[in-house]
Amino acid sequence: MGIKMIYKKTLAMDLIKAGFDLEYTTRNRKNRKYQCYAFEDSVELRKSIARINNQRYKGYPIGNETE
C-alpha cells in the first residue's frame, strides 16, 4: 500500500512489539540526529497507532496524504 513514516522512537518500538515489520530506518531530514522508522502502511497499522496514542481511528484515506 505504501510506506508510513514514524518519527517517534517509542511509537516505532511499540509497533514492532505489536507485530508490525519495520521496513527500514533513515535519518530525519530536518534534524539529522534523529532516526525515522518506515512501516508498510495499512488500516491495521493506523488503528494500532491510534490505539497506542489513545486516539480514535477515523478512517483517513491511505496514500499520498499531502493531496
PDB file of N, CA and C in Angstrom:
ATOM      1  N   MET A   1       0.815  -1.202   0.000  1.00  0.00           N
ATOM      2  CA  MET A   1       0.000   0.000   0.000  1.00  0.00           C
ATOM      3  C   MET A   1       0.850   1.254   0.000  1.00  0.00           C
ATOM      4  N   GLY A   2       1.992   1.196   0.588  1.00  0.00           N
ATOM      5  CA  GLY A   2       2.849   2.354   0.706  1.00  0.00           C
ATOM      6  C   GLY A   2       3.605   2.299   2.012  1.00  0.00           C
ATOM      7  N   ILE A   3       4.298   3.360   2.299  1.00  0.00           N
ATOM      8  CA  ILE A   3       5.125   3.434   3.499  1.00  0.00           C
ATOM      9  C   ILE A   3       4.566   4.502   4.428  1.00  0.00           C
ATOM     10  N   LYS A   4       4.496   4.179   5.701  1.00  0.00           N
ATOM     11  CA  LYS A   4       4.097   5.138   6.743  1.00  0.00           C
ATOM     12  C   LYS A   4       5.339   5.434   7.562  1.00  0.00           C
ATOM     13  N   MET A   5       5.750   6.700   7.579  1.00  0.00           N
ATOM     14  CA  MET A   5       6.929   7.100   8.337  1.00  0.00           C
ATOM     15  C   MET A   5       6.524   7.444   9.766  1.00  0.00           C
ATOM     16  N   ILE A   6       7.293   6.922  10.711  1.00  0.00           N
ATOM     17  CA  ILE A   6       7.081   7.180  12.131  1.00  0.00           C
ATOM     18  C   ILE A   6       8.303   7.942  12.630  1.00  0.00           C
ATOM     19  N   TYR A   7       8.069   9.049  13.313  1.00  0.00           N
ATOM     20  CA  TYR A   7       9.159   9.904  13.761  1.00  0.00           C
ATOM     21  C   TYR A   7       9.456   9.760  15.246  1.00  0.00           C
ATOM     22  N   LYS A   8       8.666   8.987  15.956  1.00  0.00           N
ATOM     23  CA  LYS A   8       8.849   8.825  17.395  1.00  0.00           C
ATOM     24  C   LYS A   8       9.344   7.412  17.685  1.00  0.00           C
ATOM     25  N   LYS A   9      10.498   7.310  18.311  1.00  0.00           N
ATOM     26  CA  LYS A   9      11.118   6.006  18.552  1.00  0.00           C
ATOM     27  C   LYS A   9      10.245   5.104  19.411  1.00  0.00           C
ATOM     28  N   THR A  10       9.643   5.641  20.463  1.00  0.00           N
ATOM     29  CA  THR A  10       8.836   4.797  21.349  1.00  0.00           C
ATOM     30  C   THR A  10       7.608   4.252  20.622  1.00  0.00           C
ATOM     31  N   LEU A  11       7.016   5.040  19.742  1.00  0.00           N
ATOM     32  CA  LEU A  11       5.886   4.559  18.949  1.00  0.00           C
ATOM     33  C   LEU A  11       6.343   3.450  18.007  1.00  0.00           C
ATOM     34  N   ALA A  12       7.485   3.631  17.370  1.00  0.00           N
ATOM     35  CA  ALA A  12       8.020   2.600  16.476  1.00  0.00           C
ATOM     36  C   ALA A  12       8.285   1.307  17.244  1.00  0.00           C
ATOM     37  N   MET A  13       8.848   1.406  18.436  1.00  0.00           N
ATOM     38  CA  MET A  13       9.124   0.210  19.237  1.00  0.00           C
ATOM     39  C   MET A  13       7.824  -0.480  19.654  1.00  0.00           C
ATOM     40  N   ASP A  14       6.804   0.297  20.004  1.00  0.00           N
ATOM     41  CA  ASP A  14       5.503  -0.284  20.356  1.00  0.00           C
ATOM     42  C   ASP A  14       4.881  -1.006  19.162  1.00  0.00           C
ATOM     43  N   LEU A  15       5.032  -0.449  17.965  1.00  0.00           N
ATOM     44  CA  LEU A  15       4.501  -1.097  16.765  1.00  0.00           C
ATOM     45  C   LEU A  15       5.240  -2.398  16.464  1.00  0.00           C
ATOM     46  N   ILE A  16       6.544  -2.396  16.664  1.00  0.00           N
ATOM     47  CA  ILE A  16       7.328  -3.620  16.461  1.00  0.00           C
ATOM     48  C   ILE A  16       6.889  -4.684  17.459  1.00  0.00           C
ATOM     49  N   LYS A  17       6.695  -4.284  18.716  1.00  0.00           N
ATOM     50  CA  LYS A  17       6.223  -5.231  19.738  1.00  0.00           C
ATOM     51  C   LYS A  17       4.839  -5.773  19.405  1.00  0.00           C
ATOM     52  N   ALA A  18       4.022  -4.966  18.718  1.00  0.00           N
ATOM     53  CA  ALA A  18       2.673  -5.385  18.336  1.00  0.00           C
ATOM     54  C   ALA A  18       2.682  -6.294  17.107  1.00  0.00           C
ATOM     55  N   GLY A  19       3.863  -6.527  16.535  1.00  0.00           N
ATOM     56  CA  GLY A  19       3.972  -7.471  15.431  1.00  0.00           C
ATOM     57  C   GLY A  19       4.113  -6.865  14.048  1.00  0.00           C
ATOM     58  N   PHE A  20       4.238  -5.553  13.953  1.00  0.00           N
ATOM     59  CA  PHE A  20       4.420  -4.921  12.648  1.00  0.00           C
ATOM     60  C   PHE A  20       5.892  -4.966  12.264  1.00  0.00           C
ATOM     61  N   ASP A  21       6.143  -5.177  10.972  1.00  0.00           N
ATOM     62  CA  ASP A  21       7.513  -5.293  10.477  1.00  0.00           C
ATOM     63  C   ASP A  21       8.073  -3.922  10.129  1.00  0.00           C
ATOM     64  N   LEU A  22       9.268  -3.659  10.626  1.00  0.00           N
ATOM     65  CA  LEU A  22       9.990  -2.438  10.281  1.00  0.00           C
ATOM     66  C   LEU A  22      10.597  -2.637   8.902  1.00  0.00           C
ATOM     67  N   GLU A  23      10.266  -1.771   7.956  1.00  0.00           N
ATOM     68  CA  GLU A  23      10.792  -1.887   6.596  1.00  0.00           C
ATOM     69  C   GLU A  23      12.233  -1.381   6.531  1.00  0.00           C
ATOM     70  N   TYR A  24      12.461  -0.161   7.036  1.00  0.00           N
ATOM     71  CA  TYR A  24      13.804   0.412   7.056  1.00  0.00           C
ATOM     72  C   TYR A  24      13.807   1.630   7.965  1.00  0.00           C
ATOM     73  N   THR A  25      15.002   2.124   8.257  1.00  0.00           N
ATOM     74  CA  THR A  25      15.142   3.374   9.001  1.00  0.00           C
ATOM     75  C   THR A  25      15.953   4.340   8.150  1.00  0.00           C
ATOM     76  N   THR A  26      15.771   5.612   8.418  1.00  0.00           N
ATOM     77  CA  THR A  26      16.508   6.646   7.707  1.00  0.00           C
ATOM     78  C   THR A  26      16.693   7.836   8.639  1.00  0.00           C
ATOM     79  N   ARG A  27      17.587   8.713   8.299  1.00  0.00           N
ATOM     80  CA  ARG A  27      17.788   9.927   9.090  1.00  0.00           C
ATOM     81  C   ARG A  27      16.656  10.914   8.834  1.00  0.00           C
ATOM     82  N   ASN A  28      16.282  11.634   9.878  1.00  0.00           N
ATOM     83  CA  ASN A  28      15.299  12.698   9.747  1.00  0.00           C
ATOM     84  C   ASN A  28      15.929  13.820   8.925  1.00  0.00           C
ATOM     85  N   ARG A  29      15.230  14.266   7.894  1.00  0.00           N
ATOM     86  CA  ARG A  29      15.790  15.296   7.014  1.00  0.00           C
ATOM     87  C   ARG A  29      15.913  16.649   7.698  1.00  0.00           C
ATOM     88  N   LYS A  30      15.012  16.933   8.640  1.00  0.00           N
ATOM     89  CA  LYS A  30      15.049  18.236   9.313  1.00  0.00           C
ATOM     90  C   LYS A  30      16.068  18.274  10.440  1.00  0.00           C
ATOM     91  N   ASN A  31      16.260  17.154  11.112  1.00  0.00           N
ATOM     92  CA  ASN A  31      17.214  17.099  12.224  1.00  0.00           C
ATOM     93  C   ASN A  31      17.962  15.776  12.122  1.00  0.00           C
ATOM     94  N   ARG A  32      19.167  15.822  11.597  1.00  0.00           N
ATOM     95  CA  ARG A  32      19.924  14.618  11.254  1.00  0.00           C
ATOM     96  C   ARG A  32      20.297  13.756  12.455  1.00  0.00           C
ATOM     97  N   LYS A  33      20.149  14.259  13.664  1.00  0.00           N
ATOM     98  CA  LYS A  33      20.496  13.430  14.821  1.00  0.00           C
ATOM     99  C   LYS A  33      19.389  12.440  15.175  1.00  0.00           C
ATOM    100  N   TYR A  34      18.221  12.559  14.526  1.00  0.00           N
ATOM    101  CA  TYR A  34      17.100  11.659  14.783  1.00  0.00           C
ATOM    102  C   TYR A  34      16.910  10.665  13.643  1.00  0.00           C
ATOM    103  N   GLN A  35      16.352   9.505  13.981  1.00  0.00           N
ATOM    104  CA  GLN A  35      16.017   8.472  13.004  1.00  0.00           C
ATOM    105  C   GLN A  35      14.524   8.527  12.703  1.00  0.00           C
ATOM    106  N   CYS A  36      14.140   8.094  11.511  1.00  0.00           N
ATOM    107  CA  CYS A  36      12.749   7.887  11.129  1.00  0.00           C
ATOM    108  C   CYS A  36      12.574   6.401  10.863  1.00  0.00           C
ATOM    109  N   TYR A  37      11.396   5.898  11.144  1.00  0.00           N
ATOM    110  CA  TYR A  37      11.122   4.466  11.047  1.00  0.00           C
ATOM    111  C   TYR A  37      10.012   4.251  10.026  1.00  0.00           C
ATOM    112  N   ALA A  38      10.255   3.382   9.053  1.00  0.00           N
ATOM    113  CA  ALA A  38       9.304   3.146   7.970  1.00  0.00           C
ATOM    114  C   ALA A  38       8.598   1.811   8.155  1.00  0.00           C
ATOM    115  N   PHE A  39       7.273   1.844   8.079  1.00  0.00           N
ATOM    116  CA  PHE A  39       6.437   0.654   8.174  1.00  0.00           C
ATOM    117  C   PHE A  39       5.551   0.577   6.940  1.00  0.00           C
ATOM    118  N   GLU A  40       5.157  -0.643   6.571  1.00  0.00           N
ATOM    119  CA  GLU A  40       4.197  -0.827   5.482  1.00  0.00           C
ATOM    120  C   GLU A  40       2.854  -0.264   5.949  1.00  0.00           C
ATOM    121  N   ASP A  41       2.309   0.677   5.185  1.00  0.00           N
ATOM    122  CA  ASP A  41       1.065   1.344   5.569  1.00  0.00           C
ATOM    123  C   ASP A  41      -0.127   0.409   5.387  1.00  0.00           C
ATOM    124  N   SER A  42      -0.996   0.381   6.370  1.00  0.00           N
ATOM    125  CA  SER A  42      -2.220  -0.421   6.301  1.00  0.00           C
ATOM    126  C   SER A  42      -3.226   0.143   7.294  1.00  0.00           C
ATOM    127  N   VAL A  43      -4.460  -0.273   7.144  1.00  0.00           N
ATOM    128  CA  VAL A  43      -5.505   0.144   8.077  1.00  0.00           C
ATOM    129  C   VAL A  43      -5.181  -0.374   9.475  1.00  0.00           C
ATOM    130  N   GLU A  44      -4.678  -1.608   9.561  1.00  0.00           N
ATOM    131  CA  GLU A  44      -4.332  -2.190  10.861  1.00  0.00           C
ATOM    132  C   GLU A  44      -3.232  -1.379  11.549  1.00  0.00           C
ATOM    133  N   LEU A  45      -2.239  -0.943  10.776  1.00  0.00           N
ATOM    134  CA  LEU A  45      -1.158  -0.126  11.340  1.00  0.00           C
ATOM    135  C   LEU A  45      -1.719   1.181  11.890  1.00  0.00           C
ATOM    136  N   ARG A  46      -2.553   1.832  11.118  1.00  0.00           N
ATOM    137  CA  ARG A  46      -3.121   3.113  11.554  1.00  0.00           C
ATOM    138  C   ARG A  46      -4.019   2.956  12.777  1.00  0.00           C
ATOM    139  N   LYS A  47      -4.750   1.850  12.840  1.00  0.00           N
ATOM    140  CA  LYS A  47      -5.572   1.588  14.026  1.00  0.00           C
ATOM    141  C   LYS A  47      -4.689   1.372  15.246  1.00  0.00           C
ATOM    142  N   SER A  48      -3.581   0.669  15.074  1.00  0.00           N
ATOM    143  CA  SER A  48      -2.662   0.444  16.191  1.00  0.00           C
ATOM    144  C   SER A  48      -2.016   1.742  16.646  1.00  0.00           C
ATOM    145  N   ILE A  49      -1.651   2.595  15.706  1.00  0.00           N
ATOM    146  CA  ILE A  49      -1.072   3.894  16.060  1.00  0.00           C
ATOM    147  C   ILE A  49      -2.079   4.697  16.877  1.00  0.00           C
ATOM    148  N   ALA A  50      -3.326   4.726  16.429  1.00  0.00           N
ATOM    149  CA  ALA A  50      -4.370   5.458  17.159  1.00  0.00           C
ATOM    150  C   ALA A  50      -4.557   4.875  18.553  1.00  0.00           C
ATOM    151  N   ARG A  51      -4.580   3.545  18.663  1.00  0.00           N
ATOM    152  CA  ARG A  51      -4.771   2.895  19.965  1.00  0.00           C
ATOM    153  C   ARG A  51      -3.611   3.223  20.898  1.00  0.00           C
ATOM    154  N   ILE A  52      -2.379   3.141  20.400  1.00  0.00           N
ATOM    155  CA  ILE A  52      -1.197   3.426  21.218  1.00  0.00           C
ATOM    156  C   ILE A  52      -1.217   4.876  21.701  1.00  0.00           C
ATOM    157  N   ASN A  53      -1.695   5.789  20.849  1.00  0.00           N
ATOM    158  CA  ASN A  53      -1.745   7.217  21.194  1.00  0.00           C
ATOM    159  C   ASN A  53      -3.040   7.616  21.898  1.00  0.00           C
ATOM    160  N   ASN A  54      -3.847   6.620  22.302  1.00  0.00           N
ATOM    161  CA  ASN A  54      -5.132   6.875  22.967  1.00  0.00           C
ATOM    162  C   ASN A  54      -6.030   7.789  22.142  1.00  0.00           C
ATOM    163  N   GLN A  55      -6.101   7.493  20.842  1.00  0.00           N
ATOM    164  CA  GLN A  55      -6.950   8.246  19.935  1.00  0.00           C
ATOM    165  C   GLN A  55      -7.885   7.284  19.222  1.00  0.00           C
ATOM    166  N   ARG A  56      -8.831   7.846  18.467  1.00  0.00           N
ATOM    167  CA  ARG A  56      -9.720   7.028  17.641  1.00  0.00           C
ATOM    168  C   ARG A  56      -9.253   7.090  16.205  1.00  0.00           C
ATOM    169  N   TYR A  57      -9.330   5.957  15.514  1.00  0.00           N
ATOM    170  CA  TYR A  57      -9.017   5.932  14.084  1.00  0.00           C
ATOM    171  C   TYR A  57     -10.263   6.340  13.319  1.00  0.00           C
ATOM    172  N   LYS A  58     -10.143   7.361  12.482  1.00  0.00           N
ATOM    173  CA  LYS A  58     -11.310   7.902  11.787  1.00  0.00           C
ATOM    174  C   LYS A  58     -11.384   7.465  10.332  1.00  0.00           C
ATOM    175  N   GLY A  59     -10.493   6.580   9.917  1.00  0.00           N
ATOM    176  CA  GLY A  59     -10.560   6.046   8.561  1.00  0.00           C
ATOM    177  C   GLY A  59     -10.090   6.988   7.483  1.00  0.00           C
ATOM    178  N   TYR A  60      -9.041   7.743   7.751  1.00  0.00           N
ATOM    179  CA  TYR A  60      -8.493   8.624   6.730  1.00  0.00           C
ATOM    180  C   TYR A  60      -7.975   7.805   5.562  1.00  0.00           C
ATOM    181  N   PRO A  61      -8.032   8.348   4.346  1.00  0.00           N
ATOM    182  CA  PRO A  61      -7.549   7.593   3.193  1.00  0.00           C
ATOM    183  C   PRO A  61      -6.051   7.328   3.294  1.00  0.00           C
ATOM    184  N   ILE A  62      -5.660   6.193   2.770  1.00  0.00           N
ATOM    185  CA  ILE A  62      -4.252   5.806   2.770  1.00  0.00           C
ATOM    186  C   ILE A  62      -3.666   6.179   1.418  1.00  0.00           C
ATOM    187  N   GLY A  63      -2.463   6.674   1.424  1.00  0.00           N
ATOM    188  CA  GLY A  63      -1.801   7.055   0.184  1.00  0.00           C
ATOM    189  C   GLY A  63      -1.072   8.359   0.401  1.00  0.00           C
ATOM    190  N   ASN A  64      -1.084   9.197  -0.608  1.00  0.00           N
ATOM    191  CA  ASN A  64      -0.403  10.477  -0.521  1.00  0.00           C
ATOM    192  C   ASN A  64      -1.255  11.430   0.306  1.00  0.00           C
ATOM    193  N   GLU A  65      -0.852  11.658   1.538  1.00  0.00           N
ATOM    194  CA  GLU A  65      -1.647  12.464   2.465  1.00  0.00           C
ATOM    195  C   GLU A  65      -1.535  13.956   2.198  1.00  0.00           C
ATOM    196  N   THR A  66      -0.645  14.361   1.302  1.00  0.00           N
ATOM    197  CA  THR A  66      -0.470  15.783   1.028  1.00  0.00           C
ATOM    198  C   THR A  66      -1.435  16.273  -0.039  1.00  0.00           C
ATOM    199  N   GLU A  67      -2.103  15.383  -0.727  1.00  0.00           N
ATOM    200  CA  GLU A  67      -3.033  15.797  -1.787  1.00  0.00           C
ATOM    201  C   GLU A  67      -4.410  16.048  -1.229  1.00  0.00           C
TER     202      GLU A  67
END
